[in-house]
Each structure stands twice: as structure tokens, then as C-alpha cells.
C-alpha atoms as a PDB file:
ATOM      1  CA  MET A   1      22.901  51.020-144.432  1.00  0.00           C
ATOM      2  CA  ALA A   2      24.588  52.328-147.791  1.00  0.00           C
ATOM      3  CA  MET A   3      25.509  55.343-145.865  1.00  0.00           C
ATOM      4  CA  ASP A   4      27.350  53.191-143.481  1.00  0.00           C
ATOM      5  CA  MET A   5      29.458  51.552-146.297  1.00  0.00           C
ATOM      6  CA  GLU A   6      30.283  54.909-147.774  1.00  0.00           C
ATOM      7  CA  ARG A   7      31.522  56.298-144.368  1.00  0.00           C
ATOM      8  CA  ASN A   8      33.469  53.073-143.966  1.00  0.00           C
ATOM      9  CA  LEU A   9      35.048  53.585-147.312  1.00  0.00           C
ATOM     10  CA  LEU A  10      35.998  57.122-146.283  1.00  0.00           C
ATOM     11  CA  LEU A  11      37.525  55.960-143.323  1.00  0.00           C
ATOM     12  CA  LEU A  12      39.429  53.370-145.358  1.00  0.00           C
ATOM     13  CA  VAL A  13      40.712  55.992-147.662  1.00  0.00           C
ATOM     14  CA  TRP A  14      42.007  57.799-144.926  1.00  0.00           C
ATOM     15  CA  PHE A  15      43.787  54.704-143.338  1.00  0.00           C
ATOM     16  CA  VAL A  16      45.305  53.703-146.683  1.00  0.00           C
ATOM     17  CA  CYS A  17      46.600  57.267-147.458  1.00  0.00           C
ATOM     18  CA  ILE A  18      48.224  57.809-143.801  1.00  0.00           C
ATOM     19  CA  THR A  19      49.739  54.370-144.029  1.00  0.00           C
ATOM     20  CA  THR A  20      50.887  54.854-147.768  1.00  0.00           C
ATOM     21  CA  ILE A  21      52.682  58.409-146.634  1.00  0.00           C
ATOM     22  CA  TYR A  22      54.441  56.467-143.736  1.00  0.00           C
ATOM     23  CA  PHE A  23      55.665  53.346-145.590  1.00  0.00           C
ATOM     24  CA  LEU A  24      56.008  54.770-149.202  1.00  0.00           C
ATOM     25  CA  VAL A  25      57.362  58.385-148.664  1.00  0.00           C
ATOM     26  CA  PRO A  26      61.187  58.071-148.274  1.00  0.00           C
ATOM     27  CA  ARG A  27      62.553  60.437-145.785  1.00  0.00           C
ATOM     28  CA  ALA A  28      65.009  61.927-148.408  1.00  0.00           C
ATOM     29  CA  LYS A  29      62.092  62.886-150.642  1.00  0.00           C
ATOM     30  CA  ALA A  30      59.633  64.060-147.961  1.00  0.00           C
ATOM     31  CA  HIS A  31      60.167  67.779-148.857  1.00  0.00           C
ATOM     32  CA  GLU A  32      59.307  67.126-152.433  1.00  0.00           C
ATOM     33  CA  PHE A  33      56.174  64.990-151.348  1.00  0.00           C
ATOM     34  CA  VAL A  34      55.127  67.635-148.972  1.00  0.00           C
ATOM     35  CA  LEU A  35      55.514  70.434-151.551  1.00  0.00           C
ATOM     36  CA  CYS A  36      53.247  68.258-154.143  1.00  0.00           C
ATOM     37  CA  PHE A  37      50.775  67.508-151.449  1.00  0.00           C
ATOM     38  CA  LEU A  38      50.245  71.181-150.600  1.00  0.00           C
ATOM     39  CA  VAL A  39      50.221  72.273-154.091  1.00  0.00           C
ATOM     40  CA  CYS A  40      47.739  69.716-155.224  1.00  0.00           C
ATOM     41  CA  GLN A  41      45.438  70.608-152.180  1.00  0.00           C
ATOM     42  CA  ALA A  42      45.473  74.221-153.303  1.00  0.00           C
ATOM     43  CA  VAL A  43      45.003  73.619-157.195  1.00  0.00           C
ATOM     44  CA  GLY A  44      42.713  70.641-156.543  1.00  0.00           C
ATOM     45  CA  TRP A  45      40.483  72.917-154.186  1.00  0.00           C
ATOM     46  CA  ILE A  46      39.968  75.791-156.702  1.00  0.00           C
ATOM     47  CA  VAL A  47      39.192  73.121-159.571  1.00  0.00           C
ATOM     48  CA  ASP A  48      36.605  71.259-157.225  1.00  0.00           C
ATOM     49  CA  VAL A  49      35.033  74.610-156.138  1.00  0.00           C
ATOM     50  CA  LEU A  50      34.579  75.668-159.581  1.00  0.00           C
ATOM     51  CA  LEU A  51      33.120  72.057-160.693  1.00  0.00           C
ATOM     52  CA  VAL A  52      30.794  72.164-157.677  1.00  0.00           C
ATOM     53  CA  GLN A  53      29.455  75.813-157.990  1.00  0.00           C
ATOM     54  CA  PHE A  54      28.975  75.367-161.745  1.00  0.00           C
ATOM     55  CA  ASP A  55      26.614  72.274-160.876  1.00  0.00           C
ATOM     56  CA  LEU A  56      28.859  69.766-162.708  1.00  0.00           C
ATOM     57  CA  VAL A  57      29.759  67.538-159.793  1.00  0.00           C
ATOM     58  CA  ALA A  58      27.892  66.956-156.572  1.00  0.00           C
ATOM     59  CA  TYR A  59      29.123  65.233-153.037  1.00  0.00           C
ATOM     60  CA  PRO A  60      25.954  64.118-151.314  1.00  0.00           C
ATOM     61  CA  LEU A  61      27.958  62.543-148.476  1.00  0.00           C
ATOM     62  CA  ARG A  62      30.388  64.900-147.108  1.00  0.00           C
ATOM     63  CA  GLU A  63      32.407  65.316-143.856  1.00  0.00           C
ATOM     64  CA  PHE A  64      31.539  68.979-142.907  1.00  0.00           C
ATOM     65  CA  PRO A  65      28.190  69.573-144.918  1.00  0.00           C
ATOM     66  CA  THR A  66      27.759  73.094-143.282  1.00  0.00           C
ATOM     67  CA  ALA A  67      30.985  74.107-143.989  1.00  0.00           C
ATOM     68  CA  SER A  68      31.751  73.074-147.564  1.00  0.00           C
ATOM     69  CA  ASP A  69      30.063  71.192-150.576  1.00  0.00           C
ATOM     70  CA  LEU A  70      33.214  69.476-151.239  1.00  0.00           C
ATOM     71  CA  ASN A  71      34.234  66.077-149.956  1.00  0.00           C
ATOM     72  CA  ILE A  72      37.357  66.632-148.049  1.00  0.00           C
ATOM     73  CA  THR A  73      38.752  63.041-148.141  1.00  0.00           C
ATOM     74  CA  PHE A  74      39.192  62.876-151.811  1.00  0.00           C
ATOM     75  CA  LYS A  75      40.307  66.676-152.267  1.00  0.00           C
ATOM     76  CA  VAL A  76      42.486  67.262-149.322  1.00  0.00           C
ATOM     77  CA  LEU A  77      44.122  63.746-148.888  1.00  0.00           C
ATOM     78  CA  TRP A  78      43.477  61.229-151.692  1.00  0.00           C
ATOM     79  CA  THR A  79      44.339  63.481-154.759  1.00  0.00           C
ATOM     80  CA  PRO A  80      47.404  65.082-153.035  1.00  0.00           C
ATOM     81  CA  VAL A  81      48.729  61.921-151.705  1.00  0.00           C
ATOM     82  CA  ALA A  82      48.492  60.376-155.258  1.00  0.00           C
ATOM     83  CA  SER A  83      49.992  63.466-156.728  1.00  0.00           C
ATOM     84  CA  GLY A  84      52.932  63.466-154.246  1.00  0.00           C
ATOM     85  CA  LEU A  85      53.653  59.766-155.091  1.00  0.00           C
ATOM     86  CA  TYR A  86      53.474  60.380-158.769  1.00  0.00           C
ATOM     87  CA  TYR A  87      56.115  63.190-158.440  1.00  0.00           C
ATOM     88  CA  ILE A  88      58.684  61.549-156.110  1.00  0.00           C
ATOM     89  CA  TYR A  89      58.539  58.029-158.259  1.00  0.00           C
ATOM     90  CA  ARG A  90      58.579  59.807-161.579  1.00  0.00           C
ATOM     91  CA  PRO A  91      60.960  58.047-164.038  1.00  0.00           C
ATOM     92  CA  ARG A  92      63.868  59.759-165.160  1.00  0.00           C
ATOM     93  CA  ALA A  93      63.757  57.817-168.486  1.00  0.00           C
ATOM     94  CA  ASN A  94      62.789  58.718-172.077  1.00  0.00           C
ATOM     95  CA  LYS A  95      59.768  60.739-172.911  1.00  0.00           C
ATOM     96  CA  LEU A  96      57.624  57.732-173.922  1.00  0.00           C
ATOM     97  CA  THR A  97      58.192  56.252-170.499  1.00  0.00           C
ATOM     98  CA  LYS A  98      57.125  59.386-168.928  1.00  0.00           C
ATOM     99  CA  CYS A  99      54.099  59.742-170.985  1.00  0.00           C
ATOM    100  CA  PHE A 100      53.015  56.090-170.148  1.00  0.00           C
ATOM    101  CA  TYR A 101      53.559  56.545-166.419  1.00  0.00           C
ATOM    102  CA  PHE A 102      51.447  59.967-166.557  1.00  0.00           C
ATOM    103  CA  ALA A 103      48.594  57.924-168.537  1.00  0.00           C
ATOM    104  CA  ALA A 104      48.687  55.281-166.045  1.00  0.00           C
ATOM    105  CA  TRP A 105      48.560  57.390-163.048  1.00  0.00           C
ATOM    106  CA  ILE A 106      45.576  59.583-164.892  1.00  0.00           C
ATOM    107  CA  SER A 107      43.690  56.439-165.811  1.00  0.00           C
ATOM    108  CA  LEU A 108      43.860  54.678-162.621  1.00  0.00           C
ATOM    109  CA  LEU A 109      42.550  57.974-160.695  1.00  0.00           C
ATOM    110  CA  THR A 110      39.729  58.400-163.264  1.00  0.00           C
ATOM    111  CA  LEU A 111      38.980  54.836-163.077  1.00  0.00           C
ATOM    112  CA  ILE A 112      38.599  54.927-159.286  1.00  0.00           C
ATOM    113  CA  ASP A 113      36.552  58.266-159.465  1.00  0.00           C
ATOM    114  CA  GLY A 114      34.431  56.840-162.318  1.00  0.00           C
ATOM    115  CA  MET A 115      33.625  53.706-160.072  1.00  0.00           C
ATOM    116  CA  LEU A 116      33.018  55.832-156.886  1.00  0.00           C
ATOM    117  CA  ALA A 117      30.259  57.779-159.044  1.00  0.00           C
ATOM    118  CA  ALA A 118      28.827  54.816-160.413  1.00  0.00           C
ATOM    119  CA  LYS A 119      28.696  52.489-157.281  1.00  0.00           C
ATOM    120  CA  THR A 120      28.507  54.983-154.597  1.00  0.00           C
ATOM    121  CA  GLU A 121      26.819  58.282-153.229  1.00  0.00           C
ATOM    122  CA  LEU A 122      30.271  59.980-152.624  1.00  0.00           C
ATOM    123  CA  VAL A 123      30.451  61.538-155.906  1.00  0.00           C
ATOM    124  CA  VAL A 124      27.508  62.492-158.429  1.00  0.00           C
ATOM    125  CA  TYR A 125      28.237  63.663-161.900  1.00  0.00           C
ATOM    126  CA  VAL A 126      25.433  66.120-162.708  1.00  0.00           C
ATOM    127  CA  HIS A 127      26.419  67.602-165.701  1.00  0.00           C
ATOM    128  CA  PHE A 128      29.700  65.961-166.012  1.00  0.00           C
ATOM    129  CA  HIS A 129      31.241  62.742-167.717  1.00  0.00           C
ATOM    130  CA  TRP A 130      33.899  60.702-165.942  1.00  0.00           C
ATOM    131  CA  SER A 131      36.025  61.124-168.974  1.00  0.00           C
ATOM    132  CA  LEU A 132      36.305  64.755-168.264  1.00  0.00           C
ATOM    133  CA  MET A 133      37.627  64.061-164.856  1.00  0.00           C
ATOM    134  CA  ALA A 134      40.856  62.715-166.625  1.00  0.00           C
ATOM    135  CA  ILE A 135      41.221  66.276-168.171  1.00  0.00           C
ATOM    136  CA  VAL A 136      40.945  67.451-164.380  1.00  0.00           C
ATOM    137  CA  TYR A 137      43.325  65.222-163.049  1.00  0.00           C
ATOM    138  CA  SER A 138      45.789  65.815-165.908  1.00  0.00           C
ATOM    139  CA  ILE A 139      45.449  69.585-165.261  1.00  0.00           C
ATOM    140  CA  ILE A 140      45.904  69.180-161.632  1.00  0.00           C
ATOM    141  CA  PHE A 141      49.133  66.721-161.905  1.00  0.00           C
ATOM    142  CA  LEU A 142      50.648  68.760-164.745  1.00  0.00           C
ATOM    143  CA  SER A 143      50.247  72.075-162.467  1.00  0.00           C
ATOM    144  CA  VAL A 144      51.857  70.168-159.458  1.00  0.00           C
ATOM    145  CA  ARG A 145      54.552  68.746-161.487  1.00  0.00           C
ATOM    146  CA  GLY A 146      55.562  72.037-163.015  1.00  0.00           C
ATOM    147  CA  LEU A 147      55.558  74.002-160.041  1.00  0.00           C
ATOM    148  CA  ALA A 148      57.628  71.508-157.882  1.00  0.00           C
ATOM    149  CA  SER A 149      60.104  71.020-160.883  1.00  0.00           C
ATOM    150  CA  TRP A 150      60.528  74.756-160.914  1.00  0.00           C
ATOM    151  CA  PHE A 151      60.843  74.853-157.142  1.00  0.00           C
ATOM    152  CA  PHE A 152      63.571  72.286-157.049  1.00  0.00           C
ATOM    153  CA  ARG A 153      65.197  73.240-160.287  1.00  0.00           C
ATOM    154  CA  ASP A 154      68.477  73.706-158.419  1.00  0.00           C
ATOM    155  CA  ARG A 155      69.261  70.544-156.511  1.00  0.00           C
ATOM    156  CA  LYS A 156      72.486  71.957-155.195  1.00  0.00           C
ATOM    157  CA  VAL A 157      70.783  74.494-152.857  1.00  0.00           C
ATOM    158  CA  PHE A 158      68.535  71.498-151.140  1.00  0.00           C
ATOM    159  CA  ARG A 159      71.899  69.436-150.848  1.00  0.00           C
ATOM    160  CA  GLU A 160      73.810  72.053-148.996  1.00  0.00           C
ATOM    161  CA  GLU A 161      70.967  72.554-146.368  1.00  0.00           C
ATOM    162  CA  ALA A 162      70.622  68.961-145.884  1.00  0.00           C
ATOM    163  CA  ASN A 163      74.462  68.693-145.240  1.00  0.00           C
ATOM    164  CA  GLU A 164      74.319  71.742-142.760  1.00  0.00           C
ATOM    165  CA  ARG A 165      72.051  69.854-140.360  1.00  0.00           C
END
């Protein structure tokens, strides 16, 4: 019975993420979202493989148990969607606002991850603490933000391409 609840939770995450992409990603910022989404998948996958291989985190319920020790829903969909939304809605205000915005996103994701570890069998912290997950999310989000900011540093190029269509 518990596994059914967890499988339903995974389906709910897929539904929420796809709905969120459809309704919250503006067409004008779709290219930024997609880049952040893909970069987060790459960085998150590498980080999570290391966590699983060093026996720090385990995922008892996985979508493809024979193919991977990772939970695909959280590493391929949940975190990348959050990272993409974080980037496209980032504030342009002062540094304090940016720091608060970053801390709010990292805290929310860490809280959700900690609750999943405590209340479900989707995530098990073997030799890990939920507070370290905040550091992992910080590394992922800062990497994504840095790469996306570098990639989109010359906005004029993207405006010219959009006008050519």
C-alpha cells in the first residue's frame, strides 16, 4: 500500500512539472528555460551518481531499477524544472534580494527533499544529512546560473535571431 502512495506521488510530480512548464514558462523565455533545464540535468545527474556510488543516498523506489540506481523523476524532471524557473524569474534588483531569492529556492527544495526522505521510501539518506542537500542544491543552481548567464551574456544576438523569424 505504501508503494502505491509513492508511485502516485511520482505521477503527481510528473503532472505538476509538466503543467508548470506549460503555464509558467513564457514563450519569450523558453530558450533560457530549456538551457537551464538541460544543464541542470547534466550537473544534477553527475552529482547524484556520485552520491549514490559513494553510498551517501539511496533510492529504493526507482522508475528503471535495472538501468539506474537513480530516481529519474527527481533528477531528470523535478530539479531541472525548479532550476529553470529559478533562472527565468530571478530578480534583477540588489544583491540582498538576489541572496534572499536564492536562499528561498534552496530552502524550499531542501525542505521538500528532507520531507521525502523522512516520510517516504523515495529517498533514503544512508550516510548523508538533509542539510548537506542544501549544499548540493546550491552547487547545482549556481552552476546552472553561471553557465546560463555566460551563455546569454550578449542579449543582442538573441534579439536579432528572434527578429529574423
